[in-house]
Amino acid sequence: MNKMLIINAHPKVESASSISSNVLQHFVKTYKELNPSASIEQINLYSEEVPAVDQTVLSAWDKLAKGETITAEEQKVTSRMAEVLQQFKSANKYVIAMPLHNFNISSKLKDYMDNILIPRETFKYTENGSVGLLKDGRSLLVIQGSGAVYTNNDWYTEVEFSHKYLKSMFQFLGVEDYQIIRAQGTAVLNRDEILEKAYKEAEGAATYLSQVPVQG
């Protein structure tokens, strides 16, 4: 298995005005140059259906646990959730491109995480706590755009929850190889300088992910 899944969590897919989208495109271009035959899929969270865990989903899960028949609507939404999950599991390299929304991930990305954090699929419960099931050398790269700077070891650093959440959740699944590119300070710094720095980091990340050994 050597497949990359790009999880685009920006409302404006491939927008020229989006810092994170620009960095993502530069990363993909570099990665493809290094890997001409690379297998890359992309899911766009704001244009493709990613079910939220709502009343319909909870009702379906409850019925399925009891061995009861679910409705057509429940079947449709749970089938889509299964598709999202299987697409995620079929990849071994993940790239999340996202803006920072009020110090955290966007609601669409949270919905996506709820589709992949599934017991007996990506983790399991044991007597000694939960155990990730994706411990086969997978990698995650986060490309994040933000208006403020979050690496000055100040108040902003403490409240930047998206980085902490994503790193922790993927480690929970067994994905230990984690990188983040911060295209930060767009509200206060020069855009061209931000992009130049992020592009160099994206090139380094593309080179690194090209060399990660494939397991399985």
C-alpha atoms as a PDB file:
ATOM      1  CA  MET A   1       0.000   0.000   0.000  1.00  0.00           C
ATOM      2  CA  ASN A   2       1.421   3.366  -1.052  1.00  0.00           C
ATOM      3  CA  LYS A   3      -1.430   5.811  -1.395  1.00  0.00           C
ATOM      4  CA  MET A   4      -1.830   9.414  -0.328  1.00  0.00           C
ATOM      5  CA  LEU A   5      -5.176  10.857   0.756  1.00  0.00           C
ATOM      6  CA  ILE A   6      -5.565  14.624   0.725  1.00  0.00           C
ATOM      7  CA  ILE A   7      -8.236  15.846   3.111  1.00  0.00           C
ATOM      8  CA  ASN A   8      -9.121  19.349   1.979  1.00  0.00           C
ATOM      9  CA  ALA A   9     -10.828  21.086   4.877  1.00  0.00           C
ATOM     10  CA  HIS A  10     -10.943  24.558   3.348  1.00  0.00           C
ATOM     11  CA  PRO A  11     -14.339  26.004   2.332  1.00  0.00           C
ATOM     12  CA  LYS A  12     -12.802  27.423  -0.856  1.00  0.00           C
ATOM     13  CA  VAL A  13     -11.240  24.458  -2.616  1.00  0.00           C
ATOM     14  CA  GLU A  14      -8.124  25.473  -4.574  1.00  0.00           C
ATOM     15  CA  SER A  15      -8.864  29.166  -4.016  1.00  0.00           C
ATOM     16  CA  ALA A  16      -6.086  31.539  -5.076  1.00  0.00           C
ATOM     17  CA  SER A  17      -6.849  33.639  -2.000  1.00  0.00           C
ATOM     18  CA  SER A  18      -6.330  30.753   0.428  1.00  0.00           C
ATOM     19  CA  ILE A  19      -2.870  30.449   1.900  1.00  0.00           C
ATOM     20  CA  SER A  20      -3.309  26.808   2.904  1.00  0.00           C
ATOM     21  CA  SER A  21      -4.689  25.904  -0.539  1.00  0.00           C
ATOM     22  CA  ASN A  22      -1.700  27.524  -2.239  1.00  0.00           C
ATOM     23  CA  VAL A  23       0.706  25.605  -0.038  1.00  0.00           C
ATOM     24  CA  LEU A  24      -1.213  22.371  -0.651  1.00  0.00           C
ATOM     25  CA  GLN A  25      -1.016  22.816  -4.422  1.00  0.00           C
ATOM     26  CA  HIS A  26       2.724  23.476  -4.202  1.00  0.00           C
ATOM     27  CA  PHE A  27       3.177  20.390  -2.055  1.00  0.00           C
ATOM     28  CA  VAL A  28       1.199  18.182  -4.463  1.00  0.00           C
ATOM     29  CA  LYS A  29       3.125  19.541  -7.472  1.00  0.00           C
ATOM     30  CA  THR A  30       6.452  18.761  -5.785  1.00  0.00           C
ATOM     31  CA  TYR A  31       5.319  15.341  -4.583  1.00  0.00           C
ATOM     32  CA  LYS A  32       4.130  14.363  -8.061  1.00  0.00           C
ATOM     33  CA  GLU A  33       7.430  15.485  -9.582  1.00  0.00           C
ATOM     34  CA  LEU A  34       9.240  13.215  -7.119  1.00  0.00           C
ATOM     35  CA  ASN A  35       6.686  10.408  -7.552  1.00  0.00           C
ATOM     36  CA  PRO A  36       5.347  10.443 -11.153  1.00  0.00           C
ATOM     37  CA  SER A  37       3.302   7.289 -10.576  1.00  0.00           C
ATOM     38  CA  ALA A  38       2.010   8.327  -7.169  1.00  0.00           C
ATOM     39  CA  SER A  39      -1.480   7.254  -6.159  1.00  0.00           C
ATOM     40  CA  ILE A  40      -3.253  10.335  -4.777  1.00  0.00           C
ATOM     41  CA  GLU A  41      -6.908  10.761  -3.844  1.00  0.00           C
ATOM     42  CA  GLN A  42      -8.596  13.885  -2.495  1.00  0.00           C
ATOM     43  CA  ILE A  43     -11.757  14.402  -0.495  1.00  0.00           C
ATOM     44  CA  ASN A  44     -13.155  17.931  -0.292  1.00  0.00           C
ATOM     45  CA  LEU A  45     -15.046  18.232   2.952  1.00  0.00           C
ATOM     46  CA  TYR A  46     -17.135  21.243   1.937  1.00  0.00           C
ATOM     47  CA  SER A  47     -18.349  19.864  -1.396  1.00  0.00           C
ATOM     48  CA  GLU A  48     -18.581  16.121  -0.745  1.00  0.00           C
ATOM     49  CA  GLU A  49     -20.950  14.485   1.691  1.00  0.00           C
ATOM     50  CA  VAL A  50     -19.389  13.807   5.073  1.00  0.00           C
ATOM     51  CA  PRO A  51     -22.184  12.884   7.512  1.00  0.00           C
ATOM     52  CA  ALA A  52     -22.368  14.497  10.916  1.00  0.00           C
ATOM     53  CA  VAL A  53     -23.095  12.333  13.941  1.00  0.00           C
ATOM     54  CA  ASP A  54     -26.688  13.467  14.327  1.00  0.00           C
ATOM     55  CA  GLN A  55     -29.963  11.891  15.442  1.00  0.00           C
ATOM     56  CA  THR A  56     -30.199   9.747  12.300  1.00  0.00           C
ATOM     57  CA  VAL A  57     -26.712   8.322  12.761  1.00  0.00           C
ATOM     58  CA  LEU A  58     -27.171   7.669  16.477  1.00  0.00           C
ATOM     59  CA  SER A  59     -30.489   5.952  15.808  1.00  0.00           C
ATOM     60  CA  ALA A  60     -28.899   3.745  13.146  1.00  0.00           C
ATOM     61  CA  TRP A  61     -25.976   2.794  15.374  1.00  0.00           C
ATOM     62  CA  ASP A  62     -28.337   1.916  18.215  1.00  0.00           C
ATOM     63  CA  LYS A  63     -30.479  -0.283  15.964  1.00  0.00           C
ATOM     64  CA  LEU A  64     -27.495  -2.009  14.390  1.00  0.00           C
ATOM     65  CA  ALA A  65     -26.077  -2.792  17.832  1.00  0.00           C
ATOM     66  CA  LYS A  66     -29.389  -4.440  18.726  1.00  0.00           C
ATOM     67  CA  GLY A  67     -29.652  -6.303  15.432  1.00  0.00           C
ATOM     68  CA  GLU A  68     -32.682  -4.277  14.362  1.00  0.00           C
ATOM     69  CA  THR A  69     -33.596  -3.147  10.849  1.00  0.00           C
ATOM     70  CA  ILE A  70     -32.625   0.410   9.953  1.00  0.00           C
ATOM     71  CA  THR A  71     -34.587   2.791   7.719  1.00  0.00           C
ATOM     72  CA  ALA A  72     -33.668   3.672   4.143  1.00  0.00           C
ATOM     73  CA  GLU A  73     -32.411   7.063   5.301  1.00  0.00           C
ATOM     74  CA  GLU A  74     -30.301   5.470   8.012  1.00  0.00           C
ATOM     75  CA  GLN A  75     -28.925   2.965   5.508  1.00  0.00           C
ATOM     76  CA  LYS A  76     -27.946   5.761   3.134  1.00  0.00           C
ATOM     77  CA  VAL A  77     -26.061   7.791   5.738  1.00  0.00           C
ATOM     78  CA  THR A  78     -24.302   4.823   7.342  1.00  0.00           C
ATOM     79  CA  SER A  79     -23.267   3.532   3.909  1.00  0.00           C
ATOM     80  CA  ARG A  80     -21.713   6.899   3.120  1.00  0.00           C
ATOM     81  CA  MET A  81     -19.894   6.877   6.457  1.00  0.00           C
ATOM     82  CA  ALA A  82     -18.529   3.438   5.610  1.00  0.00           C
ATOM     83  CA  GLU A  83     -17.263   4.762   2.252  1.00  0.00           C
ATOM     84  CA  VAL A  84     -15.486   7.679   3.953  1.00  0.00           C
ATOM     85  CA  LEU A  85     -13.935   5.315   6.478  1.00  0.00           C
ATOM     86  CA  GLN A  86     -12.734   2.786   3.904  1.00  0.00           C
ATOM     87  CA  GLN A  87     -11.207   5.527   1.747  1.00  0.00           C
ATOM     88  CA  PHE A  88      -9.305   6.726   4.812  1.00  0.00           C
ATOM     89  CA  LYS A  89      -8.114   3.247   5.761  1.00  0.00           C
ATOM     90  CA  SER A  90      -6.966   2.503   2.210  1.00  0.00           C
ATOM     91  CA  ALA A  91      -4.277   5.219   2.367  1.00  0.00           C
ATOM     92  CA  ASN A  92      -1.033   5.241   4.297  1.00  0.00           C
ATOM     93  CA  LYS A  93      -0.128   8.925   3.861  1.00  0.00           C
ATOM     94  CA  TYR A  94      -2.490  11.718   4.854  1.00  0.00           C
ATOM     95  CA  VAL A  95      -2.378  15.436   4.108  1.00  0.00           C
ATOM     96  CA  ILE A  96      -4.866  17.755   5.817  1.00  0.00           C
ATOM     97  CA  ALA A  97      -5.113  21.274   4.393  1.00  0.00           C
ATOM     98  CA  MET A  98      -7.082  23.628   6.614  1.00  0.00           C
ATOM     99  CA  PRO A  99      -7.586  27.155   7.874  1.00  0.00           C
ATOM    100  CA  LEU A 100      -7.566  27.705  11.615  1.00  0.00           C
ATOM    101  CA  HIS A 101     -11.119  28.486  12.769  1.00  0.00           C
ATOM    102  CA  ASN A 102     -11.157  30.225  16.141  1.00  0.00           C
ATOM    103  CA  PHE A 103      -8.153  28.278  17.441  1.00  0.00           C
ATOM    104  CA  ASN A 104      -9.492  24.912  16.308  1.00  0.00           C
ATOM    105  CA  ILE A 105     -10.356  22.696  13.350  1.00  0.00           C
ATOM    106  CA  SER A 106     -13.406  23.519  11.248  1.00  0.00           C
ATOM    107  CA  SER A 107     -16.749  21.854  11.946  1.00  0.00           C
ATOM    108  CA  LYS A 108     -16.498  19.924   8.656  1.00  0.00           C
ATOM    109  CA  LEU A 109     -13.145  18.491   9.679  1.00  0.00           C
ATOM    110  CA  LYS A 110     -14.582  17.503  13.058  1.00  0.00           C
ATOM    111  CA  ASP A 111     -17.372  15.668  11.217  1.00  0.00           C
ATOM    112  CA  TYR A 112     -14.722  13.893   9.161  1.00  0.00           C
ATOM    113  CA  MET A 113     -12.832  12.839  12.263  1.00  0.00           C
ATOM    114  CA  ASP A 114     -16.074  11.396  13.659  1.00  0.00           C
ATOM    115  CA  ASN A 115     -16.314   9.264  10.499  1.00  0.00           C
ATOM    116  CA  ILE A 116     -12.862   7.742  10.943  1.00  0.00           C
ATOM    117  CA  LEU A 117     -12.623   7.368  14.727  1.00  0.00           C
ATOM    118  CA  ILE A 118     -14.580   4.127  14.730  1.00  0.00           C
ATOM    119  CA  PRO A 119     -14.168   1.273  17.248  1.00  0.00           C
ATOM    120  CA  ARG A 120     -12.913  -2.038  15.785  1.00  0.00           C
ATOM    121  CA  GLU A 121     -12.021  -0.220  12.550  1.00  0.00           C
ATOM    122  CA  THR A 122      -9.301   2.283  13.465  1.00  0.00           C
ATOM    123  CA  PHE A 123      -8.991   1.593  17.202  1.00  0.00           C
ATOM    124  CA  LYS A 124     -10.190  -0.930  19.742  1.00  0.00           C
ATOM    125  CA  TYR A 125     -11.096  -0.968  23.403  1.00  0.00           C
ATOM    126  CA  THR A 126      -9.094  -3.187  25.747  1.00  0.00           C
ATOM    127  CA  GLU A 127      -8.995  -3.761  29.484  1.00  0.00           C
ATOM    128  CA  ASN A 128      -5.961  -1.486  29.623  1.00  0.00           C
ATOM    129  CA  GLY A 129      -7.432   1.319  27.528  1.00  0.00           C
ATOM    130  CA  SER A 130      -7.873   2.060  23.838  1.00  0.00           C
ATOM    131  CA  VAL A 131      -5.368   0.861  21.247  1.00  0.00           C
ATOM    132  CA  GLY A 132      -4.855   2.267  17.749  1.00  0.00           C
ATOM    133  CA  LEU A 133      -5.184  -0.173  14.853  1.00  0.00           C
ATOM    134  CA  LEU A 134      -3.216   1.833  12.281  1.00  0.00           C
ATOM    135  CA  LYS A 135       0.253   1.058  13.588  1.00  0.00           C
ATOM    136  CA  ASP A 136       1.723   0.164  10.228  1.00  0.00           C
ATOM    137  CA  GLY A 137       3.940   3.166   9.549  1.00  0.00           C
ATOM    138  CA  ARG A 138       1.400   5.717   8.324  1.00  0.00           C
ATOM    139  CA  SER A 139       2.192   9.445   8.101  1.00  0.00           C
ATOM    140  CA  LEU A 140       0.265  12.688   8.541  1.00  0.00           C
ATOM    141  CA  LEU A 141       1.098  16.146   7.213  1.00  0.00           C
ATOM    142  CA  VAL A 142      -1.018  19.117   8.306  1.00  0.00           C
ATOM    143  CA  ILE A 143      -0.942  22.299   6.216  1.00  0.00           C
ATOM    144  CA  GLN A 144      -2.498  25.090   8.238  1.00  0.00           C
ATOM    145  CA  GLY A 145      -3.194  28.717   7.388  1.00  0.00           C
ATOM    146  CA  SER A 146      -3.823  31.235  10.161  1.00  0.00           C
ATOM    147  CA  GLY A 147      -4.116  34.973  10.641  1.00  0.00           C
ATOM    148  CA  ALA A 148      -2.079  35.053  13.851  1.00  0.00           C
ATOM    149  CA  VAL A 149       1.280  33.542  14.773  1.00  0.00           C
ATOM    150  CA  TYR A 150       1.118  30.522  17.078  1.00  0.00           C
ATOM    151  CA  THR A 151       4.776  29.675  17.665  1.00  0.00           C
ATOM    152  CA  ASN A 152       5.894  32.557  19.903  1.00  0.00           C
ATOM    153  CA  ASN A 153       5.300  30.635  23.132  1.00  0.00           C
ATOM    154  CA  ASP A 154       2.638  33.103  24.242  1.00  0.00           C
ATOM    155  CA  TRP A 155      -1.122  33.093  24.813  1.00  0.00           C
ATOM    156  CA  TYR A 156      -1.798  32.161  21.189  1.00  0.00           C
ATOM    157  CA  THR A 157       0.427  29.096  21.484  1.00  0.00           C
ATOM    158  CA  GLU A 158      -1.567  27.823  24.447  1.00  0.00           C
ATOM    159  CA  VAL A 159      -4.972  28.119  22.769  1.00  0.00           C
ATOM    160  CA  GLU A 160      -4.064  26.619  19.391  1.00  0.00           C
ATOM    161  CA  PHE A 161      -6.164  23.504  19.905  1.00  0.00           C
ATOM    162  CA  SER A 162      -6.284  22.204  16.314  1.00  0.00           C
ATOM    163  CA  HIS A 163      -2.641  21.125  16.320  1.00  0.00           C
ATOM    164  CA  LYS A 164      -2.995  19.409  19.696  1.00  0.00           C
ATOM    165  CA  TYR A 165      -6.244  17.728  18.698  1.00  0.00           C
ATOM    166  CA  LEU A 166      -5.109  16.369  15.332  1.00  0.00           C
ATOM    167  CA  LYS A 167      -1.755  15.158  16.620  1.00  0.00           C
ATOM    168  CA  SER A 168      -3.402  13.446  19.601  1.00  0.00           C
ATOM    169  CA  MET A 169      -6.226  11.847  17.601  1.00  0.00           C
ATOM    170  CA  PHE A 170      -3.945  10.427  14.929  1.00  0.00           C
ATOM    171  CA  GLN A 171      -1.589   9.109  17.608  1.00  0.00           C
ATOM    172  CA  PHE A 172      -4.670   7.551  19.197  1.00  0.00           C
ATOM    173  CA  LEU A 173      -5.219   5.699  15.908  1.00  0.00           C
ATOM    174  CA  GLY A 174      -1.587   4.623  15.792  1.00  0.00           C
ATOM    175  CA  VAL A 175      -0.272   7.237  13.349  1.00  0.00           C
ATOM    176  CA  GLU A 176       2.902   8.513  15.021  1.00  0.00           C
ATOM    177  CA  ASP A 177       4.629  10.205  12.067  1.00  0.00           C
ATOM    178  CA  TYR A 178       3.291  13.768  12.238  1.00  0.00           C
ATOM    179  CA  GLN A 179       4.360  17.030  10.588  1.00  0.00           C
ATOM    180  CA  ILE A 180       2.777  20.486  10.453  1.00  0.00           C
ATOM    181  CA  ILE A 181       3.425  23.367   8.092  1.00  0.00           C
ATOM    182  CA  ARG A 182       2.212  26.652   9.526  1.00  0.00           C
ATOM    183  CA  ALA A 183       1.480  29.322   6.929  1.00  0.00           C
ATOM    184  CA  GLN A 184       0.786  31.726   9.760  1.00  0.00           C
ATOM    185  CA  GLY A 185       0.489  35.425  10.447  1.00  0.00           C
ATOM    186  CA  THR A 186      -1.511  36.307   7.335  1.00  0.00           C
ATOM    187  CA  ALA A 187      -3.215  39.175   9.187  1.00  0.00           C
ATOM    188  CA  VAL A 188       0.035  40.784  10.299  1.00  0.00           C
ATOM    189  CA  LEU A 189       2.919  39.592   8.084  1.00  0.00           C
ATOM    190  CA  ASN A 190       3.829  39.837   4.409  1.00  0.00           C
ATOM    191  CA  ARG A 191       1.904  37.265   2.363  1.00  0.00           C
ATOM    192  CA  ASP A 192       4.738  36.609  -0.088  1.00  0.00           C
ATOM    193  CA  GLU A 193       7.195  35.954   2.735  1.00  0.00           C
ATOM    194  CA  ILE A 194       4.723  33.594   4.430  1.00  0.00           C
ATOM    195  CA  LEU A 195       4.245  31.647   1.209  1.00  0.00           C
ATOM    196  CA  GLU A 196       7.971  31.502   0.448  1.00  0.00           C
ATOM    197  CA  LYS A 197       8.685  29.978   3.845  1.00  0.00           C
ATOM    198  CA  ALA A 198       5.744  27.567   3.639  1.00  0.00           C
ATOM    199  CA  TYR A 199       6.654  26.494   0.096  1.00  0.00           C
ATOM    200  CA  LYS A 200      10.149  25.517   1.248  1.00  0.00           C
ATOM    201  CA  GLU A 201       8.658  23.506   4.096  1.00  0.00           C
ATOM    202  CA  ALA A 202       6.212  21.887   1.659  1.00  0.00           C
ATOM    203  CA  GLU A 203       9.088  20.859  -0.605  1.00  0.00           C
ATOM    204  CA  GLY A 204      10.882  19.342   2.373  1.00  0.00           C
ATOM    205  CA  ALA A 205       7.736  17.487   3.441  1.00  0.00           C
ATOM    206  CA  ALA A 206       7.191  16.179  -0.098  1.00  0.00           C
ATOM    207  CA  THR A 207      10.759  14.886  -0.201  1.00  0.00           C
ATOM    208  CA  TYR A 208      10.400  13.259   3.200  1.00  0.00           C
ATOM    209  CA  LEU A 209       7.087  11.562   2.401  1.00  0.00           C
ATOM    210  CA  SER A 210       8.573  10.314  -0.867  1.00  0.00           C
ATOM    211  CA  GLN A 211      11.201   8.457   1.128  1.00  0.00           C
ATOM    212  CA  VAL A 212       9.043   7.007   3.886  1.00  0.00           C
ATOM    213  CA  PRO A 213       9.280   3.196   3.702  1.00  0.00           C
ATOM    214  CA  VAL A 214       6.055   1.456   2.662  1.00  0.00           C
ATOM    215  CA  GLN A 215       4.865  -1.257   5.030  1.00  0.00           C
ATOM    216  CA  GLY A 216       2.297  -3.936   4.461  1.00  0.00           C
END
